[in-house]
Amino acid sequence: MEEKVCPKCNNSQIEKGIIRSGNAVVHMFSYNNPRSQSSPISSYYCSNCGYVLGLYFENPKILGK
């Protein structure tokens, strides 16, 4: 992650988080093959104001298969 400071409040406390829905982690699936392997979706967020700086999935190579 390139950003080290929140663009909204200039706080430098950027944290990594996991996105959950109910009791499970949200996963990304390939659009072309929704029954393929999946990858958890994570994010970086500001611990001061809660601004979400970005979303990404942990294992991008498995979605390309």
Protein backbone atom coordinates (compact mmCIF):
# COMPACT_ATOMS: atom_id res chain seq x y z
CA MET A 1 0.00 0.00 0.00
CA GLU A 2 1.46 3.32 -1.07
CA GLU A 3 -0.54 5.76 1.05
CA LYS A 4 0.86 6.21 4.56
CA VAL A 5 -1.37 9.14 5.56
CA CYS A 6 -5.16 9.44 5.41
CA PRO A 7 -6.19 11.83 2.62
CA LYS A 8 -9.23 12.91 4.64
CA CYS A 9 -7.76 13.78 8.07
CA ASN A 10 -3.96 13.45 7.62
CA ASN A 11 -3.70 10.78 10.32
CA SER A 12 -0.77 8.37 9.91
CA GLN A 13 -2.43 5.44 11.68
CA ILE A 14 -3.45 3.33 8.67
CA GLU A 15 -4.67 -0.16 9.61
CA LYS A 16 -5.45 -3.33 7.67
CA GLY A 17 -8.92 -4.86 8.05
CA ILE A 18 -10.95 -7.84 6.88
CA ILE A 19 -14.44 -7.28 5.46
CA ARG A 20 -17.05 -9.53 7.05
CA SER A 21 -20.71 -10.14 6.39
CA GLY A 22 -22.49 -11.71 9.31
CA ASN A 23 -20.29 -14.55 10.52
CA ALA A 24 -18.15 -14.98 7.40
CA VAL A 25 -15.39 -13.13 5.59
CA VAL A 26 -16.52 -11.70 2.22
CA HIS A 27 -14.80 -13.37 -0.76
CA MET A 28 -14.11 -12.28 -4.34
CA PHE A 29 -14.90 -14.74 -7.15
CA SER A 30 -13.98 -14.56 -10.82
CA TYR A 31 -16.81 -13.04 -12.89
CA ASN A 32 -16.14 -15.52 -15.70
CA ASN A 33 -15.98 -18.54 -13.41
CA PRO A 34 -17.98 -17.92 -10.21
CA ARG A 35 -17.48 -21.52 -9.08
CA SER A 36 -13.70 -21.15 -9.12
CA GLN A 37 -11.50 -20.55 -6.09
CA SER A 38 -12.08 -17.35 -4.17
CA SER A 39 -10.02 -14.85 -2.23
CA PRO A 40 -10.89 -12.89 0.95
CA ILE A 41 -11.45 -9.16 0.49
CA SER A 42 -9.35 -6.92 2.76
CA SER A 43 -9.03 -3.18 3.18
CA TYR A 44 -6.85 -0.41 4.55
CA TYR A 45 -8.57 2.21 6.70
CA CYS A 46 -7.78 5.22 8.85
CA SER A 47 -8.06 4.41 12.55
CA ASN A 48 -8.86 8.06 13.33
CA CYS A 49 -11.77 8.93 11.01
CA GLY A 50 -12.69 5.52 9.55
CA TYR A 51 -12.03 6.48 5.93
CA VAL A 52 -11.46 3.37 3.76
CA LEU A 53 -8.38 3.95 1.62
CA GLY A 54 -8.72 0.88 -0.57
CA LEU A 55 -10.09 -2.60 -1.06
CA TYR A 56 -8.15 -5.54 -2.43
CA PHE A 57 -8.27 -9.30 -2.47
CA GLU A 58 -5.55 -11.35 -0.82
CA ASN A 59 -4.81 -13.90 -3.57
CA PRO A 60 -5.25 -12.28 -7.02
CA LYS A 61 -3.43 -15.09 -8.86
CA ILE A 62 -6.04 -17.72 -8.01
CA LEU A 63 -8.82 -15.62 -9.55
CA GLY A 64 -7.07 -15.52 -12.90
CA LYS A 65 -7.40 -19.29 -13.32
